[in-house]
Structure formats: C-alpha cells, structure tokens
Amino acid sequence: MIRSHDWEISPKEAVQLQKELAAQVTTRWLRPQVATVAGVDTSYRKGVARAAVVVLSYPHLEAIEHVTARRRVDFPYVPGLLSFREGPAVMDALNRLQQKPDLLIFDGQGIAHPRRFGIASHIGVLVHIPSIGCAKSRLVGEYQEPGEERGSSSLLFHKGDTIGAVVRTRSRVKPVFVSIGHLIDLPTSIDFVLTCCRRYRLPETTRLADKLAGTWDPEK
C-alpha cells in the first residue's frame, strides 16, 4: 500500500511531519524470505533531482529492473530534511517499477537521524516496504571505531538511544553507517548490507543505483 502526503510544505511543517510519521516506524523483521532487493539513490543537476531504483535478485544480486524519475527541487537544503528534497522523485521512480521489491536499501539514513526519521524510514513508511539506511557518513551519534576486518561493527548512539551500527564492509576500508529504515531490525539490516557488499565498500544495490542516478540522459 503506497501512501503519500503534501511535499510542498515549509521546513517547520516538515519537522513536525517527521515527528508524527516517526511514530509509525516498525523496528521488527517480519518477512521470512527475500527474493528481491532494491537500491535507491538520487543525484542533482541544475535544480532537478534524478532518483534511481535498481532491483536485484537476492542473494545472487543479478539486475532485474531499473527505473529513474526526475523532479524539480523547490524545498531548501536543510540538514535533517533531505527526504523532502529527494522524496518526490524517489516516490515517482518506485511507482514506475513493474514489481514491488522485498527490501529497499537507501544511500542515506534511517533512524540514525535527529528525529529518528531519515529518508530510508520516510519512504519505507510511505510504501510499506522493509527498508535500510546505508550511509557513507554519519549524520548524528557517537561510536567507537569498529575492528579493521570485514564484518566488524560497533553501535551508533545518540541521546541514550541505539540508532544504528558502524559496519566494516571491506577489511581496512572506511566503514558505512547502517540503520533501521522500517519493518526491520538492526542485526538483520547489518546482515543484508554485508551480504550485498561483494567487491566494494558499498552494497551492490546502492552502488548501482548511484551509478544510474548520476547518468543523465536528456531524453529521460
């Protein structure tokens, strides 16, 4: 079931909406099997956001489908409100998919966010699909550096809450920041991210989505 809301709101209204929707995030894993996983990413050019979704088989990670969508960005850049800039284009792209993926992995934050509602949580709640945030950098929180070997992790804390994990996906390479988006728990989120990381630091899902989002075709 895909839900929506008005995206043309002020930053103050957006903060209030985040607080309201954050209460709907579910941090439990209820799906026994996953056959498809999708990566979601967005790029910008001249005031336009281009969202890309790449669907892969799981666990083989073979590409099944990909879509893109563009939207002019009118919402201002405000830290913590990224989803209001990228969300409309992401929703357009997801609506173009021929098949609904079992899991979404975002190049961004889930509950590792000041109001526990980054883009992975926001879109996950709207489309009611399990989602994970896998970011290249930290937005908020404190942590101890994980071990140097692949699979090492440490917890990310903010104001007394465990909001995610810092995960080493390749030995002696910078870690990624994994957090619950929606309809999943943290250990399962970490497992999926590690399984989707093959030869690179980033999961194949978001790595391919990032590549597609950054390829601008004037006809699309």
Protein backbone atom coordinates (compact mmCIF):
# COMPACT_ATOMS: atom_id res chain seq x y z
CA MET A 1 0.00 0.00 0.00
CA ILE A 2 1.57 3.28 -1.12
CA ARG A 3 0.71 6.35 0.94
CA SER A 4 1.59 9.95 0.28
CA HIS A 5 1.41 13.44 1.75
CA ASP A 6 1.89 17.01 0.61
CA TRP A 7 5.57 17.61 -0.20
CA GLU A 8 5.13 21.37 -0.72
CA ILE A 9 5.43 22.42 2.90
CA SER A 10 7.73 24.65 4.92
CA PRO A 11 10.78 23.34 6.80
CA LYS A 12 8.94 23.93 10.09
CA GLU A 13 5.98 21.86 8.87
CA ALA A 14 8.39 19.19 7.57
CA VAL A 15 9.97 18.81 11.02
CA GLN A 16 6.53 18.37 12.57
CA LEU A 17 5.56 15.80 9.93
CA GLN A 18 8.77 13.85 10.59
CA LYS A 19 7.92 13.69 14.30
CA GLU A 20 4.42 12.42 13.55
CA LEU A 21 5.48 9.80 10.99
CA ALA A 22 8.46 8.61 13.05
CA ALA A 23 5.98 7.09 15.49
CA GLN A 24 4.89 4.71 12.69
CA VAL A 25 8.35 3.17 12.14
CA THR A 26 8.43 -0.55 12.97
CA THR A 27 11.77 -1.96 14.17
CA ARG A 28 10.92 -5.64 13.83
CA TRP A 29 11.75 -8.04 11.00
CA LEU A 30 8.59 -9.89 9.93
CA ARG A 31 9.41 -11.04 6.38
CA PRO A 32 10.72 -14.65 6.32
CA GLN A 33 12.07 -14.63 2.75
CA VAL A 34 13.58 -12.04 0.43
CA ALA A 35 13.80 -12.71 -3.31
CA THR A 36 14.48 -9.14 -4.50
CA VAL A 37 16.32 -6.18 -3.04
CA ALA A 38 16.42 -2.67 -4.49
CA GLY A 39 18.93 0.14 -4.20
CA VAL A 40 17.73 3.76 -4.11
CA ASP A 41 19.81 6.87 -4.76
CA THR A 42 19.39 10.43 -6.05
CA SER A 43 21.58 12.93 -7.86
CA TYR A 44 21.08 16.63 -8.61
CA ARG A 45 21.67 18.87 -11.57
CA LYS A 46 20.53 22.47 -12.09
CA GLY A 47 17.78 22.31 -9.52
CA VAL A 48 16.48 18.91 -10.62
CA ALA A 49 16.62 15.68 -8.62
CA ARG A 50 17.04 12.40 -10.52
CA ALA A 51 16.09 9.34 -8.49
CA ALA A 52 17.16 5.86 -9.50
CA VAL A 53 15.92 2.48 -8.27
CA VAL A 54 17.75 -0.72 -9.24
CA VAL A 55 16.12 -4.05 -8.38
CA LEU A 56 18.37 -7.10 -7.95
CA SER A 57 17.66 -10.75 -7.28
CA TYR A 58 18.63 -11.93 -3.82
CA PRO A 59 21.01 -13.43 -2.87
CA HIS A 60 22.55 -13.65 -6.35
CA LEU A 61 22.39 -9.87 -6.89
CA GLU A 62 21.59 -10.06 -10.59
CA ALA A 63 19.90 -6.97 -12.07
CA ILE A 64 16.20 -7.46 -12.79
CA GLU A 65 14.81 -3.98 -13.35
CA HIS A 66 15.78 -0.34 -13.11
CA VAL A 67 13.84 2.92 -13.30
CA THR A 68 14.54 6.64 -12.95
CA ALA A 69 12.42 9.72 -12.35
CA ARG A 70 13.06 13.45 -12.27
CA ARG A 71 11.53 16.21 -10.20
CA ARG A 72 12.39 19.90 -9.87
CA VAL A 73 13.60 20.58 -6.32
CA ASP A 74 11.95 23.52 -4.61
CA PHE A 75 12.48 22.51 -0.98
CA PRO A 76 15.53 24.26 0.54
CA TYR A 77 18.63 22.41 1.68
CA VAL A 78 18.19 21.90 5.44
CA PRO A 79 20.26 19.30 7.34
CA GLY A 80 17.94 16.54 8.54
CA LEU A 81 15.27 17.26 5.91
CA LEU A 82 16.90 15.56 2.93
CA SER A 83 13.88 13.34 2.28
CA PHE A 84 11.76 16.39 1.41
CA ARG A 85 14.17 17.21 -1.42
CA GLU A 86 14.59 13.67 -2.73
CA GLY A 87 11.32 12.05 -1.68
CA PRO A 88 9.04 13.19 -4.54
CA ALA A 89 11.42 11.88 -7.24
CA VAL A 90 12.02 8.65 -5.31
CA MET A 91 8.29 8.04 -4.98
CA ASP A 92 7.83 8.67 -8.73
CA ALA A 93 10.55 6.14 -9.51
CA LEU A 94 9.14 3.50 -7.15
CA ASN A 95 5.71 3.92 -8.74
CA ARG A 96 7.24 3.06 -12.13
CA LEU A 97 8.52 -0.35 -11.04
CA GLN A 98 6.84 -3.36 -12.60
CA GLN A 99 7.39 -5.45 -9.48
CA LYS A 100 7.49 -4.45 -5.84
CA PRO A 101 10.87 -5.32 -4.25
CA ASP A 102 11.00 -7.17 -0.95
CA LEU A 103 13.59 -4.82 0.56
CA LEU A 104 14.92 -1.30 -0.09
CA ILE A 105 18.45 -0.13 0.71
CA PHE A 106 18.97 3.64 0.63
CA ASP A 107 22.11 5.69 0.26
CA GLY A 108 21.10 7.67 3.33
CA GLN A 109 19.92 7.42 6.90
CA GLY A 110 17.09 5.52 8.53
CA ILE A 111 16.54 6.18 12.24
CA ALA A 112 20.16 7.40 12.60
CA HIS A 113 18.68 10.88 12.41
CA PRO A 114 17.96 13.66 14.94
CA ARG A 115 14.22 12.88 14.81
CA ARG A 116 14.71 9.17 14.01
CA PHE A 117 13.25 9.66 10.53
CA GLY A 118 15.75 9.81 7.68
CA ILE A 119 14.89 9.07 4.07
CA ALA A 120 15.01 5.26 4.47
CA SER A 121 12.41 5.48 7.23
CA HIS A 122 10.34 8.13 5.44
CA ILE A 123 9.97 6.26 2.16
CA GLY A 124 9.75 2.88 3.92
CA VAL A 125 6.72 4.08 5.89
CA LEU A 126 5.04 5.57 2.81
CA VAL A 127 5.42 2.46 0.62
CA HIS A 128 5.24 -0.09 3.46
CA ILE A 129 8.35 -1.99 2.33
CA PRO A 130 11.18 -3.08 4.66
CA SER A 131 13.98 -0.54 4.30
CA ILE A 132 17.55 0.04 5.43
CA GLY A 133 19.67 3.17 5.57
CA CYS A 134 23.27 2.60 4.49
CA ALA A 135 25.09 5.93 4.51
CA LYS A 136 28.66 6.79 3.64
CA SER A 137 28.93 9.24 6.55
CA ARG A 138 27.45 9.90 9.97
CA LEU A 139 24.64 12.41 10.46
CA VAL A 140 24.39 12.21 14.27
CA GLY A 141 25.63 9.97 17.05
CA GLU A 142 28.76 8.70 18.73
CA TYR A 143 30.58 5.41 18.29
CA GLN A 144 33.84 3.56 18.77
CA GLU A 145 35.74 2.63 15.66
CA PRO A 146 34.96 -0.97 14.66
CA GLY A 147 37.69 -3.57 14.05
CA GLU A 148 39.67 -3.44 10.83
CA GLU A 149 38.34 -6.70 9.37
CA ARG A 150 35.27 -7.10 7.17
CA GLY A 151 32.17 -7.78 9.24
CA SER A 152 33.39 -5.86 12.28
CA SER A 153 30.86 -3.40 13.68
CA SER A 154 30.17 -1.09 16.60
CA LEU A 155 26.94 0.52 17.76
CA LEU A 156 25.99 4.11 17.00
CA PHE A 157 24.39 6.01 19.91
CA HIS A 158 22.53 9.30 20.15
CA LYS A 159 20.96 10.76 23.29
CA GLY A 160 20.87 7.40 25.01
CA ASP A 161 19.37 5.54 22.04
CA THR A 162 21.00 2.92 19.82
CA ILE A 163 20.32 4.38 16.39
CA GLY A 164 22.48 2.23 14.13
CA ALA A 165 25.78 0.49 13.59
CA VAL A 166 29.13 1.37 12.07
CA VAL A 167 29.99 -1.57 9.80
CA ARG A 168 33.25 -2.52 8.10
CA THR A 169 32.19 -3.97 4.74
CA ARG A 170 35.78 -4.37 3.47
CA SER A 171 38.87 -5.01 5.53
CA ARG A 172 40.87 -1.87 6.31
CA VAL A 173 38.44 0.35 4.34
CA LYS A 174 36.26 3.12 5.80
CA PRO A 175 33.05 1.74 7.37
CA VAL A 176 29.46 2.54 6.42
CA PHE A 177 26.66 3.68 8.73
CA VAL A 178 23.75 1.24 8.82
CA SER A 179 20.41 1.98 10.43
CA ILE A 180 16.88 0.66 10.51
CA GLY A 181 14.57 2.24 7.99
CA HIS A 182 11.25 0.49 8.55
CA LEU A 183 9.91 -3.04 9.14
CA ILE A 184 13.34 -4.47 10.03
CA ASP A 185 15.70 -4.76 13.00
CA LEU A 186 19.34 -3.72 13.27
CA PRO A 187 21.05 -7.17 13.21
CA THR A 188 19.08 -8.11 10.10
CA SER A 189 19.93 -4.77 8.50
CA ILE A 190 23.63 -5.38 9.07
CA ASP A 191 23.39 -8.90 7.64
CA PHE A 192 21.71 -7.68 4.46
CA VAL A 193 24.25 -4.90 3.94
CA LEU A 194 27.17 -7.30 4.35
CA THR A 195 25.58 -9.88 2.04
CA CYS A 196 25.01 -7.20 -0.61
CA CYS A 197 28.63 -6.00 -0.42
CA ARG A 198 30.77 -8.04 -2.77
CA ARG A 199 33.94 -6.40 -4.04
CA TYR A 200 33.26 -2.84 -2.93
CA ARG A 201 32.67 -0.81 0.22
CA LEU A 202 29.07 -0.06 -0.74
CA PRO A 203 26.31 -2.64 -1.30
CA GLU A 204 25.73 -3.57 -4.94
CA THR A 205 22.22 -2.17 -4.59
CA THR A 206 23.11 1.41 -3.80
CA ARG A 207 26.35 1.28 -5.81
CA LEU A 208 24.38 0.50 -8.98
CA ALA A 209 21.64 2.99 -8.08
CA ASP A 210 24.27 5.69 -7.54
CA LYS A 211 25.77 4.96 -10.96
CA LEU A 212 22.36 5.09 -12.64
CA ALA A 213 21.26 8.25 -10.82
CA GLY A 214 24.40 10.03 -11.93
CA THR A 215 23.95 9.12 -15.62
CA TRP A 216 21.86 11.94 -17.02
CA ASP A 217 20.11 11.26 -20.31
CA PRO A 218 18.43 14.43 -21.67
CA GLU A 219 15.65 12.28 -23.09
CA LYS A 220 14.73 10.67 -19.74
